[in-house]
N, C-alpha and C. Protein backbone atom coordinates (compact mmCIF):
# COMPACT_ATOMS: atom_id res chain seq x y z
N UNK A 1 6.84 -3.67 19.10
CA UNK A 1 6.12 -3.15 17.98
C UNK A 1 6.77 -3.51 16.67
N UNK A 2 8.07 -3.66 16.63
CA UNK A 2 8.76 -3.97 15.39
C UNK A 2 8.30 -5.31 14.82
N UNK A 3 8.05 -6.29 15.70
CA UNK A 3 7.63 -7.61 15.24
C UNK A 3 6.29 -7.53 14.52
N UNK A 4 5.37 -6.70 15.02
CA UNK A 4 4.07 -6.54 14.39
C UNK A 4 4.23 -5.95 12.99
N UNK A 5 5.12 -4.98 12.84
CA UNK A 5 5.32 -4.33 11.55
C UNK A 5 6.03 -5.22 10.54
N UNK A 6 6.58 -6.34 10.97
CA UNK A 6 7.27 -7.24 10.06
C UNK A 6 6.54 -8.56 9.87
N UNK A 7 5.46 -8.78 10.59
CA UNK A 7 4.74 -10.04 10.47
C UNK A 7 3.98 -10.11 9.15
N UNK A 8 3.81 -11.31 8.66
CA UNK A 8 3.12 -11.54 7.39
C UNK A 8 1.64 -11.19 7.52
N UNK A 9 1.07 -10.61 6.47
CA UNK A 9 -0.35 -10.29 6.44
C UNK A 9 -1.00 -10.98 5.25
N UNK A 10 -2.27 -11.35 5.39
CA UNK A 10 -2.98 -12.04 4.32
C UNK A 10 -3.52 -11.07 3.28
N UNK A 11 -3.86 -9.86 3.73
CA UNK A 11 -4.35 -8.85 2.80
C UNK A 11 -3.80 -7.50 3.24
N UNK A 12 -3.72 -6.58 2.30
CA UNK A 12 -3.18 -5.26 2.63
C UNK A 12 -3.98 -4.60 3.74
N UNK A 13 -5.30 -4.75 3.69
CA UNK A 13 -6.17 -4.13 4.69
C UNK A 13 -5.84 -4.60 6.11
N UNK A 14 -5.33 -5.83 6.24
CA UNK A 14 -4.98 -6.35 7.56
C UNK A 14 -3.89 -5.51 8.23
N UNK A 15 -3.07 -4.84 7.44
CA UNK A 15 -1.96 -4.08 7.98
C UNK A 15 -2.19 -2.58 8.05
N UNK A 16 -3.40 -2.14 7.65
CA UNK A 16 -3.67 -0.71 7.57
C UNK A 16 -4.58 -0.27 8.71
N UNK A 17 -4.02 0.53 9.61
CA UNK A 17 -4.82 1.13 10.66
C UNK A 17 -5.48 2.40 10.14
N UNK A 18 -6.37 2.97 10.93
CA UNK A 18 -7.11 4.15 10.50
C UNK A 18 -6.18 5.32 10.17
N UNK A 19 -5.19 5.57 11.03
CA UNK A 19 -4.25 6.67 10.77
C UNK A 19 -3.46 6.43 9.49
N UNK A 20 -3.06 5.16 9.28
CA UNK A 20 -2.31 4.81 8.07
C UNK A 20 -3.17 5.03 6.83
N UNK A 21 -4.45 4.68 6.92
CA UNK A 21 -5.37 4.86 5.80
C UNK A 21 -5.44 6.34 5.42
N UNK A 22 -5.63 7.19 6.42
CA UNK A 22 -5.73 8.62 6.14
C UNK A 22 -4.41 9.18 5.61
N UNK A 23 -3.29 8.68 6.12
CA UNK A 23 -1.98 9.09 5.61
C UNK A 23 -1.87 8.77 4.13
N UNK A 24 -2.23 7.56 3.75
CA UNK A 24 -2.11 7.15 2.35
C UNK A 24 -3.09 7.93 1.46
N UNK A 25 -4.32 8.11 1.92
CA UNK A 25 -5.29 8.88 1.13
C UNK A 25 -4.77 10.29 0.89
N UNK A 26 -4.22 10.91 1.92
CA UNK A 26 -3.70 12.27 1.80
C UNK A 26 -2.42 12.29 0.93
N UNK A 27 -1.50 11.38 1.22
CA UNK A 27 -0.17 11.39 0.62
C UNK A 27 -0.16 10.90 -0.83
N UNK A 28 -0.92 9.85 -1.11
CA UNK A 28 -0.82 9.19 -2.40
C UNK A 28 -1.98 9.48 -3.34
N UNK A 29 -3.13 9.85 -2.78
CA UNK A 29 -4.33 9.98 -3.61
C UNK A 29 -4.98 11.36 -3.54
N UNK A 30 -4.23 12.35 -3.08
CA UNK A 30 -4.73 13.73 -2.99
C UNK A 30 -6.10 13.82 -2.34
N UNK A 31 -6.31 13.03 -1.32
CA UNK A 31 -7.56 13.09 -0.56
C UNK A 31 -8.71 12.30 -1.16
N UNK A 32 -8.47 11.56 -2.24
CA UNK A 32 -9.53 10.81 -2.92
C UNK A 32 -9.66 9.40 -2.33
N UNK A 33 -10.65 9.23 -1.45
CA UNK A 33 -10.85 7.93 -0.80
C UNK A 33 -11.24 6.83 -1.77
N UNK A 34 -11.97 7.18 -2.83
CA UNK A 34 -12.36 6.16 -3.82
C UNK A 34 -11.14 5.64 -4.57
N UNK A 35 -10.23 6.54 -4.92
CA UNK A 35 -9.00 6.12 -5.62
C UNK A 35 -8.17 5.22 -4.71
N UNK A 36 -8.14 5.53 -3.41
CA UNK A 36 -7.43 4.69 -2.44
C UNK A 36 -8.04 3.29 -2.43
N UNK A 37 -9.37 3.21 -2.32
CA UNK A 37 -10.05 1.91 -2.28
C UNK A 37 -9.75 1.09 -3.53
N UNK A 38 -9.82 1.74 -4.70
CA UNK A 38 -9.54 1.04 -5.96
C UNK A 38 -8.11 0.50 -5.98
N UNK A 39 -7.17 1.32 -5.54
CA UNK A 39 -5.76 0.90 -5.55
C UNK A 39 -5.51 -0.26 -4.61
N UNK A 40 -6.05 -0.19 -3.39
CA UNK A 40 -5.84 -1.27 -2.42
C UNK A 40 -6.46 -2.56 -2.95
N UNK A 41 -7.67 -2.46 -3.52
CA UNK A 41 -8.31 -3.66 -4.08
C UNK A 41 -7.49 -4.25 -5.22
N UNK A 42 -7.00 -3.39 -6.12
CA UNK A 42 -6.21 -3.86 -7.26
C UNK A 42 -4.91 -4.51 -6.79
N UNK A 43 -4.21 -3.85 -5.88
CA UNK A 43 -2.93 -4.39 -5.40
C UNK A 43 -3.12 -5.68 -4.62
N UNK A 44 -4.22 -5.79 -3.89
CA UNK A 44 -4.48 -7.01 -3.12
C UNK A 44 -4.73 -8.22 -4.03
N UNK A 45 -5.17 -7.98 -5.25
CA UNK A 45 -5.45 -9.07 -6.19
C UNK A 45 -4.16 -9.64 -6.80
N UNK A 46 -3.12 -8.82 -6.87
CA UNK A 46 -1.87 -9.24 -7.52
C UNK A 46 -1.10 -10.21 -6.63
N UNK A 47 -0.36 -11.11 -7.27
CA UNK A 47 0.25 -12.21 -6.53
C UNK A 47 1.76 -12.10 -6.32
N UNK A 48 2.40 -11.14 -6.99
CA UNK A 48 3.84 -10.99 -6.77
C UNK A 48 4.18 -9.52 -6.55
N UNK A 49 5.29 -9.30 -5.88
CA UNK A 49 5.76 -7.93 -5.66
C UNK A 49 6.08 -7.25 -6.99
N UNK A 50 6.62 -8.01 -7.94
CA UNK A 50 6.92 -7.46 -9.26
C UNK A 50 5.64 -6.96 -9.94
N UNK A 51 4.57 -7.77 -9.88
CA UNK A 51 3.30 -7.36 -10.48
C UNK A 51 2.79 -6.07 -9.83
N UNK A 52 2.93 -5.99 -8.51
CA UNK A 52 2.50 -4.79 -7.79
C UNK A 52 3.30 -3.57 -8.22
N UNK A 53 4.61 -3.74 -8.35
CA UNK A 53 5.47 -2.63 -8.76
C UNK A 53 5.10 -2.14 -10.16
N UNK A 54 4.85 -3.08 -11.07
CA UNK A 54 4.46 -2.72 -12.43
C UNK A 54 3.14 -1.96 -12.40
N UNK A 55 2.18 -2.44 -11.63
CA UNK A 55 0.88 -1.78 -11.53
C UNK A 55 1.04 -0.35 -10.99
N UNK A 56 1.85 -0.21 -9.96
CA UNK A 56 2.07 1.12 -9.36
C UNK A 56 2.72 2.06 -10.37
N UNK A 57 3.77 1.60 -11.04
CA UNK A 57 4.48 2.44 -12.01
C UNK A 57 3.58 2.84 -13.16
N UNK A 58 2.73 1.90 -13.63
CA UNK A 58 1.86 2.18 -14.77
C UNK A 58 0.67 3.08 -14.42
N UNK A 59 0.26 3.09 -13.15
CA UNK A 59 -0.99 3.77 -12.79
C UNK A 59 -0.86 4.97 -11.87
N UNK A 60 0.29 5.12 -11.20
CA UNK A 60 0.41 6.18 -10.21
C UNK A 60 1.74 6.90 -10.36
N UNK A 61 1.76 8.15 -9.93
CA UNK A 61 2.99 8.95 -9.95
C UNK A 61 3.36 9.30 -8.51
N UNK A 62 3.59 8.27 -7.72
CA UNK A 62 3.88 8.46 -6.30
C UNK A 62 5.34 8.85 -6.10
N UNK A 63 5.56 9.76 -5.16
CA UNK A 63 6.91 10.10 -4.74
C UNK A 63 7.42 8.94 -3.88
N UNK A 64 8.47 8.25 -4.32
CA UNK A 64 8.94 7.08 -3.56
C UNK A 64 9.45 7.43 -2.16
N UNK A 65 9.72 8.70 -1.91
CA UNK A 65 10.22 9.11 -0.60
C UNK A 65 9.11 9.55 0.35
N UNK A 66 7.86 9.56 -0.13
CA UNK A 66 6.75 10.00 0.73
C UNK A 66 6.45 8.93 1.78
N UNK A 67 5.91 9.36 2.90
CA UNK A 67 5.56 8.42 3.98
C UNK A 67 4.56 7.38 3.49
N UNK A 68 3.56 7.82 2.73
CA UNK A 68 2.54 6.90 2.23
C UNK A 68 3.12 5.85 1.31
N UNK A 69 4.01 6.28 0.45
CA UNK A 69 4.64 5.36 -0.49
C UNK A 69 5.51 4.33 0.23
N UNK A 70 6.28 4.79 1.19
CA UNK A 70 7.12 3.87 1.98
C UNK A 70 6.25 2.88 2.73
N UNK A 71 5.12 3.37 3.29
CA UNK A 71 4.25 2.51 4.07
C UNK A 71 3.61 1.43 3.18
N UNK A 72 3.12 1.80 2.02
CA UNK A 72 2.47 0.80 1.17
C UNK A 72 3.48 -0.23 0.67
N UNK A 73 4.73 0.20 0.46
CA UNK A 73 5.76 -0.77 0.06
C UNK A 73 6.03 -1.77 1.18
N UNK A 74 6.07 -1.29 2.43
CA UNK A 74 6.24 -2.20 3.56
C UNK A 74 5.10 -3.21 3.61
N UNK A 75 3.87 -2.73 3.39
CA UNK A 75 2.71 -3.63 3.42
C UNK A 75 2.83 -4.69 2.32
N UNK A 76 3.20 -4.26 1.13
CA UNK A 76 3.32 -5.21 0.01
C UNK A 76 4.39 -6.25 0.30
N UNK A 77 5.50 -5.82 0.89
CA UNK A 77 6.55 -6.77 1.24
C UNK A 77 6.07 -7.75 2.31
N UNK A 78 5.31 -7.25 3.28
CA UNK A 78 4.78 -8.13 4.33
C UNK A 78 3.79 -9.14 3.78
N UNK A 79 3.03 -8.74 2.78
CA UNK A 79 2.03 -9.64 2.20
C UNK A 79 2.66 -10.64 1.25
N UNK A 80 3.64 -10.20 0.46
CA UNK A 80 4.10 -11.02 -0.67
C UNK A 80 5.46 -11.67 -0.49
N UNK A 81 6.18 -11.39 0.59
CA UNK A 81 7.50 -12.01 0.71
C UNK A 81 7.49 -13.15 1.69
């Protein structure tokens, strides 16, 4: 399973299972599915990890220690590194 979690993905959605989606909606977007969709679409458009970090810092007040926050950072690293 570790290899799957470290493999490169073409889009953020490729790495998000249903449980992960609900975790992020609950953890990062206070249950707002539309806000989740907007964020995933916006982050998927960006081409560097730095751009993603700037977008996150400017637009969201996520707890960096939350499960959802850690998970989305893993996804961004898998997509952009």
